[in-house]
Amino acid sequence: EVVMYSTTRCGYCKKARRYFKQNKIAFEEYDVEKTAKGRRDYQSLNGRGVPIILVGSRRMDGFSEAGFNQLYVSQR
């Protein structure tokens, strides 16, 4: 399962969102500025920037296609 903590104005978040949709990767998304769950989870993850992407129990800060693919393939 893929979960992304993001904001609406973040360029890397937009890039990740577009990549997930193009590749038909199901994901849950929580806005860290607009939702209580997003804010709470972001704090408990000691977030310093967005996006934070979780694939199962593994974490990625920021977004790159290569980095995400490595994380995603290793979880399947």
Protein backbone atom coordinates (compact mmCIF):
# COMPACT_ATOMS: atom_id res chain seq x y z
CA GLU A 1 0.00 0.00 0.00
CA VAL A 2 1.27 3.45 -0.98
CA VAL A 3 0.56 6.47 1.22
CA MET A 4 1.69 10.01 0.43
CA TYR A 5 1.74 12.98 2.79
CA SER A 6 1.69 16.12 0.69
CA THR A 7 0.58 19.71 0.14
CA THR A 8 -1.29 21.10 -2.85
CA ARG A 9 1.45 23.56 -3.85
CA CYS A 10 4.39 21.12 -3.71
CA GLY A 11 5.95 20.44 -7.13
CA TYR A 12 7.39 17.05 -6.16
CA CYS A 13 3.97 16.05 -4.78
CA LYS A 14 2.37 16.91 -8.14
CA LYS A 15 5.04 14.92 -9.96
CA ALA A 16 4.48 11.90 -7.68
CA ARG A 17 0.69 12.15 -8.01
CA ARG A 18 0.94 12.27 -11.82
CA TYR A 19 3.38 9.33 -11.87
CA PHE A 20 1.12 7.18 -9.67
CA LYS A 21 -1.91 7.89 -11.85
CA GLN A 22 -0.06 7.28 -15.13
CA ASN A 23 1.24 3.96 -13.83
CA LYS A 24 -2.05 2.93 -12.20
CA ILE A 25 -0.48 2.74 -8.75
CA ALA A 26 -3.18 2.93 -6.10
CA PHE A 27 -2.32 5.39 -3.34
CA GLU A 28 -3.84 7.20 -0.39
CA GLU A 29 -3.00 10.86 0.00
CA TYR A 30 -3.19 13.10 3.06
CA ASP A 31 -2.64 16.85 2.89
CA VAL A 32 -0.47 17.86 5.85
CA GLU A 33 -1.90 21.39 5.85
CA LYS A 34 -5.59 20.71 5.30
CA THR A 35 -6.40 17.45 7.11
CA ALA A 36 -6.09 16.60 10.80
CA LYS A 37 -4.92 13.06 10.00
CA GLY A 38 -2.28 14.40 7.61
CA ARG A 39 -0.98 16.86 10.20
CA ARG A 40 -0.96 14.28 13.00
CA ASP A 41 0.75 11.56 10.95
CA TYR A 42 3.27 14.04 9.54
CA GLN A 43 4.25 15.08 13.06
CA SER A 44 4.57 11.48 14.24
CA LEU A 45 6.80 10.78 11.19
CA ASN A 46 8.97 13.77 12.19
CA GLY A 47 8.29 15.32 8.80
CA ARG A 48 10.68 18.00 7.60
CA GLY A 49 9.41 18.37 4.03
CA VAL A 50 6.95 16.91 1.56
CA PRO A 51 6.21 14.55 0.08
CA ILE A 52 6.71 11.71 2.48
CA ILE A 53 5.84 8.49 0.68
CA LEU A 54 5.32 5.23 2.52
CA VAL A 55 5.34 1.90 0.72
CA GLY A 56 4.31 -0.63 3.33
CA SER A 57 6.76 -0.06 6.17
CA ARG A 58 9.41 1.64 3.97
CA ARG A 59 9.74 5.41 3.67
CA MET A 60 10.87 7.84 1.01
CA ASP A 61 11.32 11.56 1.61
CA GLY A 62 10.84 13.56 -1.58
CA PHE A 63 10.17 11.90 -4.91
CA SER A 64 12.14 10.49 -7.82
CA GLU A 65 10.84 7.86 -10.21
CA ALA A 66 13.95 5.68 -9.83
CA GLY A 67 13.92 5.90 -6.03
CA PHE A 68 10.22 5.15 -5.84
CA ASN A 69 10.46 2.20 -8.24
CA GLN A 70 13.23 0.67 -6.16
CA LEU A 71 11.09 0.97 -3.03
CA TYR A 72 7.90 -0.19 -4.75
CA VAL A 73 9.38 -3.23 -6.50
CA SER A 74 11.14 -4.41 -3.33
CA GLN A 75 7.78 -4.43 -1.46
CA ARG A 76 5.89 -6.56 -4.01
